[in-house]
Amino acid sequence: MDIVDAHCHIISEDRTGYPEAPLGGKQSKWAATRPVTAEGMVSRMDETGIGQAVLVQATTHYGYDNSYVLDSSRHRPERFVAVGTVDPLRPEAAADLRAAVGEGGLAGVRLFTSGSTVPTQGEWFVAPETFPFWEQAGELGLPVCLQMRLGPATGQLVELLERFPGVQVLLDHIGYPDIEASPARAGAEVAALAAHPGLHLKLTHRNLERLLDAGEQAGDFLGPVVGAFGAERIAWGSNCPAAEQTMPELLDLARKVLAGLPERDQQEIFAGTARRLYPSLGGYGS
């Protein structure tokens, strides 16, 4: 099966050439304890049978300095594309974004509004100051990975999707829906967002672990979500090495949870969606 990892992180051993500059000054624990270089990622991919990967900027290690993901994707364009980070609140954000794409440039961009080092959900991603950034992303056809938590900020997400319907938004970790509390309720809440055609979902171990724990009730989440979005708007990502498991274990987890889906849907989730979002990956077997 063709497999593209839509969400992994790399960190260089060269701390002088690629200095630490985490957002908010706080580094993720995983970045300090189990970093993986670009070459190390290739080894893990080869071990797992993963052909290509999307290098998502390690925002909690490098902040807005995209040098390492860009250099790595330029060095191994047959294996990687780069998703970097910009500050959409800067007056120059749209120009920065335009300058960062193109041949050998960013294939996508990421906004980190909540996570392990940012426990309070930021709502700045839909502030009026960000509108030029979103307009530019739409004009460029550049996917925007949005790391946020569904809940109180879901209204801001909907506002964003309605204001910029032409932008492709890829919701990291599906916005951390509360599958553990109720797979059915979480599935209904996520499925309702499918009304916005620009929204895509990134399925990772953050969701898959909860679905595995849910057992037969996992279908109460997967059924409505896949039914509403279609597999062609869902992409799998390992989140290696932020995840504690090995890459083979992460892929096995995904295969186990998604085993009940039709083979075509699995192929879309494991590769097809990522290839459409990031055309520079090329086609199957390229």
C-alpha atoms as a PDB file:
ATOM      1  CA  MET A   1       0.000   0.000   0.000  1.00  0.00           C
ATOM      2  CA  ASP A   2       1.149   3.536  -0.811  1.00  0.00           C
ATOM      3  CA  ILE A   3       1.748   5.347   2.497  1.00  0.00           C
ATOM      4  CA  VAL A   4       2.470   9.020   3.135  1.00  0.00           C
ATOM      5  CA  ASP A   5       3.074  10.181   6.694  1.00  0.00           C
ATOM      6  CA  ALA A   6       1.296  13.536   6.816  1.00  0.00           C
ATOM      7  CA  HIS A   7       2.652  14.609  10.186  1.00  0.00           C
ATOM      8  CA  CYS A   8       6.146  14.027  11.540  1.00  0.00           C
ATOM      9  CA  HIS A   9       8.803  16.251  13.120  1.00  0.00           C
ATOM     10  CA  ILE A  10      12.586  16.482  12.807  1.00  0.00           C
ATOM     11  CA  ILE A  11      15.270  18.157  14.900  1.00  0.00           C
ATOM     12  CA  SER A  12      18.889  18.642  13.890  1.00  0.00           C
ATOM     13  CA  GLU A  13      21.885  17.646  15.980  1.00  0.00           C
ATOM     14  CA  ASP A  14      23.519  20.879  14.774  1.00  0.00           C
ATOM     15  CA  ARG A  15      22.423  23.313  17.480  1.00  0.00           C
ATOM     16  CA  THR A  16      24.620  26.086  16.059  1.00  0.00           C
ATOM     17  CA  GLY A  17      23.331  25.960  12.503  1.00  0.00           C
ATOM     18  CA  TYR A  18      19.769  25.368  13.668  1.00  0.00           C
ATOM     19  CA  PRO A  19      19.425  27.015  17.097  1.00  0.00           C
ATOM     20  CA  GLU A  20      16.501  26.434  19.428  1.00  0.00           C
ATOM     21  CA  ALA A  21      13.837  29.142  19.393  1.00  0.00           C
ATOM     22  CA  PRO A  22      10.607  27.582  20.759  1.00  0.00           C
ATOM     23  CA  LEU A  23       7.430  29.625  20.711  1.00  0.00           C
ATOM     24  CA  GLY A  24       6.892  31.131  24.133  1.00  0.00           C
ATOM     25  CA  GLY A  25      10.377  30.035  25.149  1.00  0.00           C
ATOM     26  CA  LYS A  26       9.177  26.594  26.244  1.00  0.00           C
ATOM     27  CA  GLN A  27      10.467  23.465  24.532  1.00  0.00           C
ATOM     28  CA  SER A  28       8.388  20.292  24.199  1.00  0.00           C
ATOM     29  CA  LYS A  29       9.552  17.416  26.378  1.00  0.00           C
ATOM     30  CA  TRP A  30       9.750  15.070  23.389  1.00  0.00           C
ATOM     31  CA  ALA A  31      12.057  17.466  21.527  1.00  0.00           C
ATOM     32  CA  ALA A  32      14.524  17.335  24.399  1.00  0.00           C
ATOM     33  CA  THR A  33      14.298  13.609  25.163  1.00  0.00           C
ATOM     34  CA  ARG A  34      13.732  11.819  21.830  1.00  0.00           C
ATOM     35  CA  PRO A  35      14.592  14.062  18.873  1.00  0.00           C
ATOM     36  CA  VAL A  36      14.932  12.549  15.394  1.00  0.00           C
ATOM     37  CA  THR A  37      17.034  14.005  12.583  1.00  0.00           C
ATOM     38  CA  ALA A  38      15.982  14.024   8.939  1.00  0.00           C
ATOM     39  CA  GLU A  39      18.220  11.054   8.186  1.00  0.00           C
ATOM     40  CA  GLY A  40      16.899   9.295  11.253  1.00  0.00           C
ATOM     41  CA  MET A  41      13.387   9.872   9.941  1.00  0.00           C
ATOM     42  CA  VAL A  42      14.308   8.313   6.601  1.00  0.00           C
ATOM     43  CA  SER A  43      15.572   5.235   8.451  1.00  0.00           C
ATOM     44  CA  ARG A  44      12.335   4.956  10.395  1.00  0.00           C
ATOM     45  CA  MET A  45      10.300   5.370   7.220  1.00  0.00           C
ATOM     46  CA  ASP A  46      12.314   2.679   5.443  1.00  0.00           C
ATOM     47  CA  GLU A  47      11.866   0.352   8.414  1.00  0.00           C
ATOM     48  CA  THR A  48       8.108   0.930   8.341  1.00  0.00           C
ATOM     49  CA  GLY A  49       7.519   0.891   4.580  1.00  0.00           C
ATOM     50  CA  ILE A  50       6.583   4.573   4.335  1.00  0.00           C
ATOM     51  CA  GLY A  51       7.591   6.146   1.048  1.00  0.00           C
ATOM     52  CA  GLN A  52       7.197   9.850   1.749  1.00  0.00           C
ATOM     53  CA  ALA A  53       6.474  12.210   4.622  1.00  0.00           C
ATOM     54  CA  VAL A  54       5.382  15.739   5.392  1.00  0.00           C
ATOM     55  CA  LEU A  55       7.890  17.432   7.688  1.00  0.00           C
ATOM     56  CA  VAL A  56       5.817  19.620   9.989  1.00  0.00           C
ATOM     57  CA  GLN A  57       7.760  22.392  11.686  1.00  0.00           C
ATOM     58  CA  ALA A  58       8.629  21.564  15.308  1.00  0.00           C
ATOM     59  CA  THR A  59       7.197  24.856  16.517  1.00  0.00           C
ATOM     60  CA  THR A  60       8.034  24.124  20.134  1.00  0.00           C
ATOM     61  CA  HIS A  61      11.696  23.763  19.192  1.00  0.00           C
ATOM     62  CA  TYR A  62      12.342  26.085  16.236  1.00  0.00           C
ATOM     63  CA  GLY A  63       9.484  28.575  16.432  1.00  0.00           C
ATOM     64  CA  TYR A  64       9.245  30.538  13.176  1.00  0.00           C
ATOM     65  CA  ASP A  65      12.672  29.478  11.868  1.00  0.00           C
ATOM     66  CA  ASN A  66      11.806  26.967   9.126  1.00  0.00           C
ATOM     67  CA  SER A  67      15.405  26.427   8.019  1.00  0.00           C
ATOM     68  CA  TYR A  68      15.737  22.786   9.010  1.00  0.00           C
ATOM     69  CA  VAL A  69      12.523  21.451   7.457  1.00  0.00           C
ATOM     70  CA  LEU A  70      13.265  23.428   4.295  1.00  0.00           C
ATOM     71  CA  ASP A  71      16.881  22.293   4.049  1.00  0.00           C
ATOM     72  CA  SER A  72      15.844  18.695   4.702  1.00  0.00           C
ATOM     73  CA  SER A  73      13.108  18.685   2.076  1.00  0.00           C
ATOM     74  CA  ARG A  74      15.453  20.282  -0.459  1.00  0.00           C
ATOM     75  CA  HIS A  75      18.097  17.644   0.283  1.00  0.00           C
ATOM     76  CA  ARG A  76      15.643  14.730  -0.039  1.00  0.00           C
ATOM     77  CA  PRO A  77      12.809  15.997  -2.295  1.00  0.00           C
ATOM     78  CA  GLU A  78      11.909  12.434  -3.256  1.00  0.00           C
ATOM     79  CA  ARG A  79      11.051  11.687   0.386  1.00  0.00           C
ATOM     80  CA  PHE A  80       9.951  14.945   2.019  1.00  0.00           C
ATOM     81  CA  VAL A  81       7.908  18.100   1.660  1.00  0.00           C
ATOM     82  CA  ALA A  82       8.042  20.873   4.255  1.00  0.00           C
ATOM     83  CA  VAL A  83       5.287  22.541   6.257  1.00  0.00           C
ATOM     84  CA  GLY A  84       6.601  25.609   8.070  1.00  0.00           C
ATOM     85  CA  THR A  85       5.312  28.195  10.494  1.00  0.00           C
ATOM     86  CA  VAL A  86       4.772  31.918  10.094  1.00  0.00           C
ATOM     87  CA  ASP A  87       3.301  34.526  12.419  1.00  0.00           C
ATOM     88  CA  PRO A  88      -0.022  35.484  10.813  1.00  0.00           C
ATOM     89  CA  LEU A  89      -0.363  38.527  13.077  1.00  0.00           C
ATOM     90  CA  ARG A  90       2.662  40.237  11.535  1.00  0.00           C
ATOM     91  CA  PRO A  91       1.819  42.955   8.999  1.00  0.00           C
ATOM     92  CA  GLU A  92       4.290  41.232   6.659  1.00  0.00           C
ATOM     93  CA  ALA A  93       2.673  37.784   7.075  1.00  0.00           C
ATOM     94  CA  ALA A  94       1.158  37.617   3.588  1.00  0.00           C
ATOM     95  CA  ALA A  95       4.416  38.704   1.963  1.00  0.00           C
ATOM     96  CA  ASP A  96       6.395  36.268   4.130  1.00  0.00           C
ATOM     97  CA  LEU A  97       4.100  33.470   3.043  1.00  0.00           C
ATOM     98  CA  ARG A  98       4.341  34.354  -0.623  1.00  0.00           C
ATOM     99  CA  ALA A  99       8.142  34.455  -0.415  1.00  0.00           C
ATOM    100  CA  ALA A 100       8.334  31.079   1.353  1.00  0.00           C
ATOM    101  CA  VAL A 101       6.599  28.986  -1.320  1.00  0.00           C
ATOM    102  CA  GLY A 102       7.633  27.979  -4.815  1.00  0.00           C
ATOM    103  CA  GLU A 103      10.356  25.667  -6.083  1.00  0.00           C
ATOM    104  CA  GLY A 104      12.017  24.085  -3.055  1.00  0.00           C
ATOM    105  CA  GLY A 105       9.910  26.162  -0.686  1.00  0.00           C
ATOM    106  CA  LEU A 106       7.122  25.400   1.738  1.00  0.00           C
ATOM    107  CA  ALA A 107       4.367  23.031   0.627  1.00  0.00           C
ATOM    108  CA  GLY A 108       2.154  24.130   3.509  1.00  0.00           C
ATOM    109  CA  VAL A 109       2.076  26.204   6.657  1.00  0.00           C
ATOM    110  CA  ARG A 110       1.116  25.510  10.261  1.00  0.00           C
ATOM    111  CA  LEU A 111      -0.464  27.616  12.995  1.00  0.00           C
ATOM    112  CA  PHE A 112       0.166  26.364  16.535  1.00  0.00           C
ATOM    113  CA  THR A 113      -2.622  27.772  18.715  1.00  0.00           C
ATOM    114  CA  SER A 114      -2.704  25.118  21.449  1.00  0.00           C
ATOM    115  CA  GLY A 115      -0.598  22.170  22.557  1.00  0.00           C
ATOM    116  CA  SER A 116       1.530  20.711  25.325  1.00  0.00           C
ATOM    117  CA  THR A 117       3.438  23.964  25.772  1.00  0.00           C
ATOM    118  CA  VAL A 118       0.415  26.208  25.102  1.00  0.00           C
ATOM    119  CA  PRO A 119      -2.353  24.865  27.354  1.00  0.00           C
ATOM    120  CA  THR A 120      -4.665  27.859  26.865  1.00  0.00           C
ATOM    121  CA  GLN A 121      -6.415  27.798  23.496  1.00  0.00           C
ATOM    122  CA  GLY A 122      -5.529  30.891  21.513  1.00  0.00           C
ATOM    123  CA  GLU A 123      -8.236  32.516  19.412  1.00  0.00           C
ATOM    124  CA  TRP A 124      -5.901  34.882  17.568  1.00  0.00           C
ATOM    125  CA  PHE A 125      -5.993  32.711  14.446  1.00  0.00           C
ATOM    126  CA  VAL A 126      -9.186  34.462  13.331  1.00  0.00           C
ATOM    127  CA  ALA A 127      -8.256  37.989  14.452  1.00  0.00           C
ATOM    128  CA  PRO A 128      -8.713  40.642  11.722  1.00  0.00           C
ATOM    129  CA  GLU A 129      -4.935  41.106  11.616  1.00  0.00           C
ATOM    130  CA  THR A 130      -4.640  37.571  10.229  1.00  0.00           C
ATOM    131  CA  PHE A 131      -7.006  38.101   7.298  1.00  0.00           C
ATOM    132  CA  PRO A 132      -4.272  39.041   4.781  1.00  0.00           C
ATOM    133  CA  PHE A 133      -2.468  35.812   5.713  1.00  0.00           C
ATOM    134  CA  TRP A 134      -5.586  33.713   5.101  1.00  0.00           C
ATOM    135  CA  GLU A 135      -6.332  35.503   1.832  1.00  0.00           C
ATOM    136  CA  GLN A 136      -2.784  34.848   0.637  1.00  0.00           C
ATOM    137  CA  ALA A 137      -2.969  31.174   1.632  1.00  0.00           C
ATOM    138  CA  GLY A 138      -6.130  30.856  -0.432  1.00  0.00           C
ATOM    139  CA  GLU A 139      -4.590  32.572  -3.455  1.00  0.00           C
ATOM    140  CA  LEU A 140      -1.536  30.324  -3.258  1.00  0.00           C
ATOM    141  CA  GLY A 141      -3.592  27.158  -2.762  1.00  0.00           C
ATOM    142  CA  LEU A 142      -1.431  26.508   0.291  1.00  0.00           C
ATOM    143  CA  PRO A 143      -2.832  24.092   2.923  1.00  0.00           C
ATOM    144  CA  VAL A 144      -2.872  25.471   6.456  1.00  0.00           C
ATOM    145  CA  CYS A 145      -2.419  22.973   9.294  1.00  0.00           C
ATOM    146  CA  LEU A 146      -4.274  24.309  12.314  1.00  0.00           C
ATOM    147  CA  GLN A 147      -3.389  22.881  15.711  1.00  0.00           C
ATOM    148  CA  MET A 148      -6.262  23.767  18.022  1.00  0.00           C
ATOM    149  CA  ARG A 149      -8.702  22.179  20.439  1.00  0.00           C
ATOM    150  CA  LEU A 150     -12.353  21.919  19.529  1.00  0.00           C
ATOM    151  CA  GLY A 151     -14.699  23.264  22.177  1.00  0.00           C
ATOM    152  CA  PRO A 152     -15.043  26.956  23.037  1.00  0.00           C
ATOM    153  CA  ALA A 153     -12.917  27.894  19.998  1.00  0.00           C
ATOM    154  CA  THR A 154     -14.983  25.831  17.531  1.00  0.00           C
ATOM    155  CA  GLY A 155     -17.051  28.920  16.833  1.00  0.00           C
ATOM    156  CA  GLN A 156     -13.916  30.774  15.746  1.00  0.00           C
ATOM    157  CA  LEU A 157     -12.992  27.871  13.472  1.00  0.00           C
ATOM    158  CA  VAL A 158     -16.422  27.990  11.834  1.00  0.00           C
ATOM    159  CA  GLU A 159     -16.129  31.752  11.430  1.00  0.00           C
ATOM    160  CA  LEU A 160     -12.777  31.263   9.719  1.00  0.00           C
ATOM    161  CA  LEU A 161     -14.073  28.568   7.370  1.00  0.00           C
ATOM    162  CA  GLU A 162     -17.059  30.707   6.402  1.00  0.00           C
ATOM    163  CA  ARG A 163     -14.963  33.811   5.814  1.00  0.00           C
ATOM    164  CA  PHE A 164     -12.312  31.999   3.751  1.00  0.00           C
ATOM    165  CA  PRO A 165     -14.082  29.072   2.064  1.00  0.00           C
ATOM    166  CA  GLY A 166     -11.326  28.693  -0.522  1.00  0.00           C
ATOM    167  CA  VAL A 167      -8.592  27.920   2.015  1.00  0.00           C
ATOM    168  CA  GLN A 168      -7.696  24.294   2.661  1.00  0.00           C
ATOM    169  CA  VAL A 169      -7.487  23.873   6.443  1.00  0.00           C
ATOM    170  CA  LEU A 170      -6.047  20.640   7.834  1.00  0.00           C
ATOM    171  CA  LEU A 171      -7.114  20.182  11.463  1.00  0.00           C
ATOM    172  CA  ASP A 172      -4.209  18.624  13.357  1.00  0.00           C
ATOM    173  CA  HIS A 173      -5.199  15.650  15.543  1.00  0.00           C
ATOM    174  CA  ILE A 174      -8.815  16.349  14.436  1.00  0.00           C
ATOM    175  CA  GLY A 175      -8.854  19.098  17.041  1.00  0.00           C
ATOM    176  CA  TYR A 176      -8.576  16.620  19.947  1.00  0.00           C
ATOM    177  CA  PRO A 177     -12.268  15.603  20.078  1.00  0.00           C
ATOM    178  CA  ASP A 178     -13.285  14.002  23.389  1.00  0.00           C
ATOM    179  CA  ILE A 179     -13.649  10.451  22.081  1.00  0.00           C
ATOM    180  CA  GLU A 180     -13.018   8.969  25.509  1.00  0.00           C
ATOM    181  CA  ALA A 181     -16.084  10.632  27.037  1.00  0.00           C
ATOM    182  CA  SER A 182     -18.425   9.685  24.178  1.00  0.00           C
ATOM    183  CA  PRO A 183     -17.354   8.420  20.738  1.00  0.00           C
ATOM    184  CA  ALA A 184     -20.842   9.097  19.370  1.00  0.00           C
ATOM    185  CA  ARG A 185     -21.042  12.666  20.652  1.00  0.00           C
ATOM    186  CA  ALA A 186     -17.494  13.442  19.517  1.00  0.00           C
ATOM    187  CA  GLY A 187     -18.241  11.936  16.112  1.00  0.00           C
ATOM    188  CA  ALA A 188     -21.372  14.025  15.699  1.00  0.00           C
ATOM    189  CA  GLU A 189     -19.531  17.221  16.654  1.00  0.00           C
ATOM    190  CA  VAL A 190     -16.738  16.589  14.156  1.00  0.00           C
ATOM    191  CA  ALA A 191     -19.091  15.400  11.401  1.00  0.00           C
ATOM    192  CA  ALA A 192     -21.041  18.664  11.645  1.00  0.00           C
ATOM    193  CA  LEU A 193     -17.928  20.528  10.493  1.00  0.00           C
ATOM    194  CA  ALA A 194     -17.914  18.648   7.178  1.00  0.00           C
ATOM    195  CA  ALA A 195     -20.349  21.245   5.845  1.00  0.00           C
ATOM    196  CA  HIS A 196     -17.259  23.391   5.200  1.00  0.00           C
ATOM    197  CA  PRO A 197     -15.618  21.882   2.100  1.00  0.00           C
ATOM    198  CA  GLY A 198     -12.215  23.437   2.771  1.00  0.00           C
ATOM    199  CA  LEU A 199     -11.792  21.591   6.070  1.00  0.00           C
ATOM    200  CA  HIS A 200      -9.709  18.396   6.163  1.00  0.00           C
ATOM    201  CA  LEU A 201      -8.873  16.182   9.121  1.00  0.00           C
ATOM    202  CA  LYS A 202      -5.485  14.877  10.225  1.00  0.00           C
ATOM    203  CA  LEU A 203      -5.871  11.560  12.045  1.00  0.00           C
ATOM    204  CA  THR A 204      -3.041  10.718  14.469  1.00  0.00           C
ATOM    205  CA  HIS A 205      -2.323   8.552  17.487  1.00  0.00           C
ATOM    206  CA  ARG A 206      -3.962  11.236  19.645  1.00  0.00           C
ATOM    207  CA  ASN A 207      -7.287  10.039  18.219  1.00  0.00           C
ATOM    208  CA  LEU A 208      -6.399   6.458  17.299  1.00  0.00           C
ATOM    209  CA  GLU A 209      -5.418   5.508  20.849  1.00  0.00           C
ATOM    210  CA  ARG A 210      -8.803   6.663  22.131  1.00  0.00           C
ATOM    211  CA  LEU A 211     -10.562   4.809  19.322  1.00  0.00           C
ATOM    212  CA  LEU A 212      -8.675   1.611  20.095  1.00  0.00           C
ATOM    213  CA  ASP A 213      -9.704   1.946  23.742  1.00  0.00           C
ATOM    214  CA  ALA A 214     -13.322   2.458  22.640  1.00  0.00           C
ATOM    215  CA  GLY A 215     -13.439  -0.997  21.051  1.00  0.00           C
ATOM    216  CA  GLU A 216     -16.665  -1.609  19.158  1.00  0.00           C
ATOM    217  CA  GLN A 217     -17.815   1.930  19.968  1.00  0.00           C
ATOM    218  CA  ALA A 218     -15.042   3.301  17.757  1.00  0.00           C
ATOM    219  CA  GLY A 219     -17.490   2.959  14.889  1.00  0.00           C
ATOM    220  CA  ASP A 220     -19.749   5.497  16.598  1.00  0.00           C
ATOM    221  CA  PHE A 221     -17.057   8.049  15.862  1.00  0.00           C
ATOM    222  CA  LEU A 222     -15.547   6.770  12.622  1.00  0.00           C
ATOM    223  CA  GLY A 223     -18.880   6.067  10.955  1.00  0.00           C
ATOM    224  CA  PRO A 224     -20.305   9.592  11.025  1.00  0.00           C
ATOM    225  CA  VAL A 225     -16.930  11.299  10.518  1.00  0.00           C
ATOM    226  CA  VAL A 226     -15.870   9.264   7.473  1.00  0.00           C
ATOM    227  CA  GLY A 227     -19.429   9.345   6.187  1.00  0.00           C
ATOM    228  CA  ALA A 228     -19.608  13.139   6.399  1.00  0.00           C
ATOM    229  CA  PHE A 229     -16.109  14.096   5.260  1.00  0.00           C
ATOM    230  CA  GLY A 230     -15.334  11.180   2.996  1.00  0.00           C
ATOM    231  CA  ALA A 231     -11.980   9.460   3.289  1.00  0.00           C
ATOM    232  CA  GLU A 232     -10.623  11.856   0.670  1.00  0.00           C
ATOM    233  CA  ARG A 233     -10.645  14.641   3.280  1.00  0.00           C
ATOM    234  CA  ILE A 234      -8.849  12.647   5.993  1.00  0.00           C
ATOM    235  CA  ALA A 235      -5.075  12.094   6.177  1.00  0.00           C
ATOM    236  CA  TRP A 236      -3.058   9.911   8.543  1.00  0.00           C
ATOM    237  CA  GLY A 237       0.039  11.203  10.310  1.00  0.00           C
ATOM    238  CA  SER A 238       2.328   9.374  12.727  1.00  0.00           C
ATOM    239  CA  ASN A 239       3.302  12.364  14.897  1.00  0.00           C
ATOM    240  CA  CYS A 240       6.713  10.713  15.227  1.00  0.00           C
ATOM    241  CA  PRO A 241       8.701  11.371  17.428  1.00  0.00           C
ATOM    242  CA  ALA A 242       6.282  13.395  19.561  1.00  0.00           C
ATOM    243  CA  ALA A 243       4.419  10.103  19.996  1.00  0.00           C
ATOM    244  CA  GLU A 244       6.132   7.715  22.401  1.00  0.00           C
ATOM    245  CA  GLN A 245       5.600   4.664  20.154  1.00  0.00           C
ATOM    246  CA  THR A 246       7.918   3.631  17.343  1.00  0.00           C
ATOM    247  CA  MET A 247       6.876   4.427  13.790  1.00  0.00           C
ATOM    248  CA  PRO A 248       6.014   0.771  13.006  1.00  0.00           C
ATOM    249  CA  GLU A 249       3.845   0.699  16.127  1.00  0.00           C
ATOM    250  CA  LEU A 250       2.102   3.918  15.099  1.00  0.00           C
ATOM    251  CA  LEU A 251       1.325   2.572  11.637  1.00  0.00           C
ATOM    252  CA  ASP A 252       0.106  -0.725  13.115  1.00  0.00           C
ATOM    253  CA  LEU A 253      -2.188   1.225  15.433  1.00  0.00           C
ATOM    254  CA  ALA A 254      -3.725   3.067  12.493  1.00  0.00           C
ATOM    255  CA  ARG A 255      -4.157  -0.093  10.452  1.00  0.00           C
ATOM    256  CA  LYS A 256      -5.828  -1.871  13.341  1.00  0.00           C
ATOM    257  CA  VAL A 257      -8.324   0.910  14.029  1.00  0.00           C
ATOM    258  CA  LEU A 258      -9.110   1.505  10.338  1.00  0.00           C
ATOM    259  CA  ALA A 259      -9.229  -2.181   9.352  1.00  0.00           C
ATOM    260  CA  GLY A 260     -13.013  -2.138   9.065  1.00  0.00           C
ATOM    261  CA  LEU A 261     -13.029   0.597   6.409  1.00  0.00           C
ATOM    262  CA  PRO A 262     -13.124  -0.291   2.706  1.00  0.00           C
ATOM    263  CA  GLU A 263      -9.692  -0.652   1.139  1.00  0.00           C
ATOM    264  CA  ARG A 264     -10.283   2.411  -1.031  1.00  0.00           C
ATOM    265  CA  ASP A 265     -10.997   4.538   2.044  1.00  0.00           C
ATOM    266  CA  GLN A 266      -7.880   3.263   3.751  1.00  0.00           C
ATOM    267  CA  GLN A 267      -5.793   4.152   0.684  1.00  0.00           C
ATOM    268  CA  GLU A 268      -7.187   7.675   0.723  1.00  0.00           C
ATOM    269  CA  ILE A 269      -6.419   8.143   4.411  1.00  0.00           C
ATOM    270  CA  PHE A 270      -2.937   6.634   4.213  1.00  0.00           C
ATOM    271  CA  ALA A 271      -1.831   8.470   1.065  1.00  0.00           C
ATOM    272  CA  GLY A 272      -4.404   9.869  -1.347  1.00  0.00           C
ATOM    273  CA  THR A 273      -5.499  12.853   0.717  1.00  0.00           C
ATOM    274  CA  ALA A 274      -1.930  13.900   1.481  1.00  0.00           C
ATOM    275  CA  ARG A 275      -0.964  13.658  -2.186  1.00  0.00           C
ATOM    276  CA  ARG A 276      -3.811  15.976  -3.181  1.00  0.00           C
ATOM    277  CA  LEU A 277      -3.044  18.472  -0.428  1.00  0.00           C
ATOM    278  CA  TYR A 278       0.663  18.437  -1.255  1.00  0.00           C
ATOM    279  CA  PRO A 279       1.001  17.947  -5.036  1.00  0.00           C
ATOM    280  CA  SER A 280       4.789  18.252  -4.874  1.00  0.00           C
ATOM    281  CA  LEU A 281       4.839  14.782  -3.323  1.00  0.00           C
ATOM    282  CA  GLY A 282       4.045  13.488  -6.789  1.00  0.00           C
ATOM    283  CA  GLY A 283       1.941  10.464  -7.667  1.00  0.00           C
ATOM    284  CA  TYR A 284       2.102   6.911  -6.423  1.00  0.00           C
ATOM    285  CA  GLY A 285       5.511   5.347  -6.915  1.00  0.00           C
ATOM    286  CA  SER A 286       7.122   8.601  -8.070  1.00  0.00           C
END
